[in-house]
Amino acid sequence: MTTYVITVPGTFTSGVDDAARQRLGRALRPADPHGTRMGSAEDLDALTVNDDNTFALRLTVDADTNADAEREARRLADAALREAGLDADDVPLGPAVITGIDSEIA
């Protein structure tokens, strides 16, 4: 099993208030990349929101394959958005992309 850091981009098409950002941040906490060597070294935040309401979710996922990691990251992102009370129609997500692999294997 390998630990991946996956980035899932998206857009808040209807904007997002501070309370929703806080709820989303709490919902993402279990998958926060700060728990990996990469996340600590790179200071990766689980949620980054840009001025134009685009955002990036950076999630830690344990999986056997790249494809499994990307699927799990999408599942986690969708679940966190729902938990934060955000409607999937107002928050389209882009494709999940592997941005790091944290493995003991050299």
N, C-alpha and C. Protein backbone atom coordinates (compact mmCIF):
# COMPACT_ATOMS: atom_id res chain seq x y z
N MET A 1 0.86 -1.18 0.00
CA MET A 1 0.00 0.00 0.00
C MET A 1 0.90 1.23 0.00
N THR A 2 0.54 2.21 -0.81
CA THR A 2 1.30 3.43 -0.95
C THR A 2 0.43 4.61 -0.55
N THR A 3 1.05 5.63 0.03
CA THR A 3 0.34 6.85 0.37
C THR A 3 0.55 7.86 -0.75
N TYR A 4 -0.55 8.37 -1.28
CA TYR A 4 -0.53 9.34 -2.36
C TYR A 4 -1.05 10.67 -1.85
N VAL A 5 -0.54 11.75 -2.41
CA VAL A 5 -1.17 13.05 -2.25
C VAL A 5 -1.81 13.35 -3.60
N ILE A 6 -3.12 13.54 -3.57
CA ILE A 6 -3.92 13.76 -4.77
C ILE A 6 -4.48 15.17 -4.72
N THR A 7 -4.41 15.88 -5.82
CA THR A 7 -5.03 17.20 -5.93
C THR A 7 -6.28 17.09 -6.78
N VAL A 8 -7.37 17.62 -6.24
CA VAL A 8 -8.64 17.66 -6.96
C VAL A 8 -9.03 19.14 -7.11
N PRO A 9 -8.99 19.67 -8.34
CA PRO A 9 -9.37 21.07 -8.54
C PRO A 9 -10.87 21.22 -8.67
N GLY A 10 -11.34 22.43 -8.46
CA GLY A 10 -12.76 22.69 -8.62
C GLY A 10 -13.04 24.18 -8.65
N THR A 11 -14.33 24.51 -8.76
CA THR A 11 -14.76 25.90 -8.80
C THR A 11 -16.04 26.05 -7.99
N PHE A 12 -16.06 27.05 -7.13
CA PHE A 12 -17.29 27.42 -6.43
C PHE A 12 -18.05 28.35 -7.38
N THR A 13 -18.98 27.83 -8.17
CA THR A 13 -19.64 28.64 -9.19
C THR A 13 -20.58 29.68 -8.59
N SER A 14 -21.06 29.44 -7.38
CA SER A 14 -21.95 30.40 -6.72
C SER A 14 -21.23 31.14 -5.60
N GLY A 15 -19.91 31.07 -5.58
CA GLY A 15 -19.16 31.66 -4.48
C GLY A 15 -19.25 30.76 -3.26
N VAL A 16 -18.50 31.13 -2.23
CA VAL A 16 -18.51 30.35 -1.00
C VAL A 16 -18.20 31.29 0.16
N ASP A 17 -18.96 31.16 1.24
CA ASP A 17 -18.72 32.04 2.39
C ASP A 17 -17.72 31.39 3.35
N ASP A 18 -17.28 32.17 4.32
CA ASP A 18 -16.27 31.70 5.27
C ASP A 18 -16.75 30.49 6.07
N ALA A 19 -18.03 30.49 6.44
CA ALA A 19 -18.56 29.36 7.22
C ALA A 19 -18.48 28.06 6.41
N ALA A 20 -18.82 28.11 5.12
CA ALA A 20 -18.74 26.92 4.28
C ALA A 20 -17.29 26.47 4.10
N ARG A 21 -16.37 27.42 3.97
CA ARG A 21 -14.95 27.07 3.87
C ARG A 21 -14.48 26.36 5.13
N GLN A 22 -14.91 26.85 6.28
CA GLN A 22 -14.53 26.23 7.55
C GLN A 22 -15.10 24.82 7.66
N ARG A 23 -16.37 24.65 7.28
CA ARG A 23 -16.98 23.31 7.31
C ARG A 23 -16.25 22.36 6.37
N LEU A 24 -15.89 22.86 5.19
CA LEU A 24 -15.17 22.02 4.23
C LEU A 24 -13.78 21.67 4.78
N GLY A 25 -13.11 22.63 5.38
CA GLY A 25 -11.81 22.35 5.98
C GLY A 25 -11.89 21.27 7.05
N ARG A 26 -12.92 21.34 7.89
CA ARG A 26 -13.11 20.31 8.92
C ARG A 26 -13.40 18.95 8.31
N ALA A 27 -14.21 18.93 7.25
CA ALA A 27 -14.55 17.67 6.59
C ALA A 27 -13.33 17.04 5.92
N LEU A 28 -12.37 17.85 5.51
CA LEU A 28 -11.17 17.34 4.85
C LEU A 28 -10.07 16.93 5.83
N ARG A 29 -10.21 17.30 7.08
CA ARG A 29 -9.16 17.07 8.07
C ARG A 29 -8.62 15.64 8.11
N PRO A 30 -9.47 14.60 8.03
CA PRO A 30 -8.91 13.23 8.07
C PRO A 30 -7.97 12.91 6.91
N ALA A 31 -8.10 13.62 5.80
CA ALA A 31 -7.25 13.35 4.63
C ALA A 31 -6.19 14.44 4.43
N ASP A 32 -5.95 15.25 5.46
CA ASP A 32 -5.00 16.36 5.38
C ASP A 32 -3.60 15.86 5.03
N PRO A 33 -2.96 16.42 4.01
CA PRO A 33 -1.63 15.96 3.59
C PRO A 33 -0.51 16.31 4.56
N HIS A 34 -0.78 17.14 5.56
CA HIS A 34 0.26 17.48 6.53
C HIS A 34 0.76 16.25 7.29
N GLY A 35 0.00 15.17 7.27
CA GLY A 35 0.41 13.94 7.95
C GLY A 35 1.44 13.13 7.19
N THR A 36 1.81 13.56 6.00
CA THR A 36 2.82 12.86 5.21
C THR A 36 4.12 13.65 5.23
N ARG A 37 5.21 13.00 4.87
CA ARG A 37 6.49 13.71 4.77
C ARG A 37 6.40 14.82 3.74
N MET A 38 5.72 14.58 2.63
CA MET A 38 5.58 15.61 1.59
C MET A 38 4.77 16.79 2.08
N GLY A 39 3.68 16.50 2.75
CA GLY A 39 2.81 17.56 3.23
C GLY A 39 3.49 18.45 4.24
N SER A 40 4.29 17.87 5.09
CA SER A 40 5.03 18.66 6.08
C SER A 40 6.11 19.49 5.40
N ALA A 41 6.87 18.86 4.50
CA ALA A 41 7.97 19.56 3.84
C ALA A 41 7.47 20.67 2.91
N GLU A 42 6.38 20.41 2.22
CA GLU A 42 5.86 21.37 1.25
C GLU A 42 4.80 22.30 1.84
N ASP A 43 4.40 22.07 3.09
CA ASP A 43 3.35 22.83 3.75
C ASP A 43 2.06 22.86 2.92
N LEU A 44 1.62 21.68 2.52
CA LEU A 44 0.43 21.55 1.70
C LEU A 44 -0.83 21.67 2.54
N ASP A 45 -1.69 22.58 2.17
CA ASP A 45 -2.98 22.73 2.84
C ASP A 45 -4.01 21.85 2.14
N ALA A 46 -4.95 21.34 2.91
CA ALA A 46 -5.99 20.49 2.33
C ALA A 46 -6.91 21.30 1.40
N LEU A 47 -7.10 22.57 1.69
CA LEU A 47 -7.97 23.43 0.88
C LEU A 47 -7.27 24.74 0.59
N THR A 48 -7.17 25.07 -0.69
CA THR A 48 -6.67 26.36 -1.12
C THR A 48 -7.72 26.97 -2.03
N VAL A 49 -8.18 28.19 -1.71
CA VAL A 49 -9.19 28.88 -2.52
C VAL A 49 -8.55 30.12 -3.11
N ASN A 50 -8.71 30.29 -4.41
CA ASN A 50 -8.16 31.45 -5.11
C ASN A 50 -9.20 32.56 -5.19
N ASP A 51 -8.75 33.77 -5.55
CA ASP A 51 -9.64 34.93 -5.63
C ASP A 51 -10.77 34.76 -6.64
N ASP A 52 -10.57 33.92 -7.65
CA ASP A 52 -11.60 33.72 -8.68
C ASP A 52 -12.54 32.55 -8.35
N ASN A 53 -12.53 32.09 -7.10
CA ASN A 53 -13.37 31.00 -6.60
C ASN A 53 -13.00 29.63 -7.14
N THR A 54 -11.85 29.51 -7.78
CA THR A 54 -11.33 28.18 -8.08
C THR A 54 -10.63 27.70 -6.82
N PHE A 55 -10.50 26.39 -6.69
CA PHE A 55 -9.87 25.85 -5.49
C PHE A 55 -9.15 24.56 -5.80
N ALA A 56 -8.33 24.15 -4.86
CA ALA A 56 -7.64 22.86 -4.95
C ALA A 56 -7.80 22.15 -3.61
N LEU A 57 -8.23 20.90 -3.68
CA LEU A 57 -8.27 20.03 -2.51
C LEU A 57 -7.05 19.13 -2.62
N ARG A 58 -6.25 19.06 -1.57
CA ARG A 58 -5.10 18.15 -1.55
C ARG A 58 -5.38 17.11 -0.48
N LEU A 59 -5.46 15.87 -0.91
CA LEU A 59 -5.90 14.79 -0.04
C LEU A 59 -4.86 13.69 0.04
N THR A 60 -4.72 13.11 1.22
CA THR A 60 -3.87 11.95 1.41
C THR A 60 -4.74 10.71 1.26
N VAL A 61 -4.28 9.78 0.42
CA VAL A 61 -5.03 8.56 0.14
C VAL A 61 -4.05 7.38 0.18
N ASP A 62 -4.42 6.31 0.86
CA ASP A 62 -3.66 5.06 0.81
C ASP A 62 -4.33 4.14 -0.20
N ALA A 63 -3.54 3.67 -1.16
CA ALA A 63 -4.10 2.81 -2.20
C ALA A 63 -3.01 1.92 -2.78
N ASP A 64 -3.45 0.89 -3.50
CA ASP A 64 -2.52 -0.03 -4.14
C ASP A 64 -2.07 0.47 -5.51
N THR A 65 -2.93 1.22 -6.21
CA THR A 65 -2.58 1.68 -7.55
C THR A 65 -2.92 3.16 -7.71
N ASN A 66 -2.35 3.77 -8.74
CA ASN A 66 -2.64 5.17 -9.05
C ASN A 66 -4.14 5.38 -9.29
N ALA A 67 -4.73 4.50 -10.08
CA ALA A 67 -6.15 4.63 -10.41
C ALA A 67 -7.02 4.53 -9.17
N ASP A 68 -6.69 3.59 -8.27
CA ASP A 68 -7.44 3.46 -7.02
C ASP A 68 -7.30 4.72 -6.19
N ALA A 69 -6.12 5.30 -6.15
CA ALA A 69 -5.89 6.52 -5.37
C ALA A 69 -6.71 7.68 -5.92
N GLU A 70 -6.74 7.83 -7.23
CA GLU A 70 -7.51 8.91 -7.84
C GLU A 70 -9.01 8.74 -7.59
N ARG A 71 -9.50 7.51 -7.70
CA ARG A 71 -10.93 7.25 -7.42
C ARG A 71 -11.27 7.55 -5.97
N GLU A 72 -10.42 7.12 -5.05
CA GLU A 72 -10.67 7.37 -3.62
C GLU A 72 -10.64 8.86 -3.31
N ALA A 73 -9.73 9.58 -3.93
CA ALA A 73 -9.66 11.03 -3.71
C ALA A 73 -10.94 11.71 -4.18
N ARG A 74 -11.46 11.31 -5.33
CA ARG A 74 -12.73 11.87 -5.81
C ARG A 74 -13.86 11.56 -4.84
N ARG A 75 -13.89 10.33 -4.34
CA ARG A 75 -14.93 9.94 -3.38
C ARG A 75 -14.84 10.80 -2.12
N LEU A 76 -13.61 10.98 -1.60
CA LEU A 76 -13.40 11.80 -0.40
C LEU A 76 -13.79 13.25 -0.64
N ALA A 77 -13.43 13.78 -1.80
CA ALA A 77 -13.76 15.17 -2.14
C ALA A 77 -15.27 15.35 -2.21
N ASP A 78 -15.96 14.46 -2.89
CA ASP A 78 -17.42 14.54 -3.00
C ASP A 78 -18.07 14.46 -1.62
N ALA A 79 -17.60 13.55 -0.79
CA ALA A 79 -18.16 13.38 0.56
C ALA A 79 -17.92 14.62 1.41
N ALA A 80 -16.74 15.21 1.33
CA ALA A 80 -16.43 16.41 2.12
C ALA A 80 -17.30 17.58 1.68
N LEU A 81 -17.50 17.74 0.39
CA LEU A 81 -18.35 18.83 -0.10
C LEU A 81 -19.78 18.65 0.40
N ARG A 82 -20.30 17.42 0.34
CA ARG A 82 -21.66 17.17 0.85
C ARG A 82 -21.74 17.44 2.34
N GLU A 83 -20.70 16.97 3.09
CA GLU A 83 -20.69 17.18 4.54
C GLU A 83 -20.66 18.67 4.88
N ALA A 84 -20.02 19.46 4.03
CA ALA A 84 -19.94 20.91 4.26
C ALA A 84 -21.21 21.62 3.82
N GLY A 85 -22.18 20.87 3.26
CA GLY A 85 -23.45 21.45 2.84
C GLY A 85 -23.39 22.13 1.49
N LEU A 86 -22.40 21.77 0.68
CA LEU A 86 -22.26 22.38 -0.64
C LEU A 86 -22.88 21.47 -1.70
N ASP A 87 -23.63 22.05 -2.60
CA ASP A 87 -24.33 21.31 -3.65
C ASP A 87 -23.36 20.97 -4.78
N ALA A 88 -23.32 19.72 -5.18
CA ALA A 88 -22.40 19.27 -6.23
C ALA A 88 -22.60 20.04 -7.53
N ASP A 89 -23.82 20.50 -7.81
CA ASP A 89 -24.07 21.27 -9.04
C ASP A 89 -23.40 22.64 -8.99
N ASP A 90 -23.19 23.17 -7.80
CA ASP A 90 -22.56 24.49 -7.62
C ASP A 90 -21.05 24.39 -7.42
N VAL A 91 -20.53 23.16 -7.34
CA VAL A 91 -19.11 22.97 -7.07
C VAL A 91 -18.57 21.87 -7.99
N PRO A 92 -18.44 22.16 -9.28
CA PRO A 92 -17.89 21.14 -10.17
C PRO A 92 -16.42 20.86 -9.87
N LEU A 93 -16.06 19.60 -9.96
CA LEU A 93 -14.68 19.18 -9.70
C LEU A 93 -14.01 18.78 -11.00
N GLY A 94 -12.72 19.05 -11.07
CA GLY A 94 -11.92 18.61 -12.21
C GLY A 94 -11.36 17.23 -11.93
N PRO A 95 -10.53 16.75 -12.83
CA PRO A 95 -9.95 15.40 -12.65
C PRO A 95 -8.95 15.37 -11.51
N ALA A 96 -8.98 14.28 -10.77
CA ALA A 96 -8.00 14.06 -9.68
C ALA A 96 -6.64 13.78 -10.30
N VAL A 97 -5.61 14.38 -9.72
CA VAL A 97 -4.25 14.24 -10.25
C VAL A 97 -3.30 13.89 -9.11
N ILE A 98 -2.45 12.91 -9.33
CA ILE A 98 -1.44 12.56 -8.33
C ILE A 98 -0.38 13.64 -8.32
N THR A 99 -0.18 14.25 -7.16
CA THR A 99 0.83 15.30 -7.05
C THR A 99 1.99 14.86 -6.14
N GLY A 100 1.89 13.69 -5.56
CA GLY A 100 2.98 13.19 -4.75
C GLY A 100 2.75 11.75 -4.35
N ILE A 101 3.85 11.04 -4.14
CA ILE A 101 3.79 9.67 -3.66
C ILE A 101 4.73 9.56 -2.47
N ASP A 102 4.21 9.12 -1.35
CA ASP A 102 4.99 9.01 -0.12
C ASP A 102 5.14 7.52 0.17
N SER A 103 6.26 6.95 -0.25
CA SER A 103 6.46 5.51 -0.12
C SER A 103 7.81 5.23 0.51
N GLU A 104 7.86 4.16 1.26
CA GLU A 104 9.13 3.73 1.86
C GLU A 104 10.01 3.05 0.83
N ILE A 105 9.45 2.70 -0.31
CA ILE A 105 10.21 2.01 -1.35
C ILE A 105 11.00 3.04 -2.14
N ALA A 106 12.29 2.77 -2.31
CA ALA A 106 13.12 3.73 -3.05
C ALA A 106 13.26 3.31 -4.48
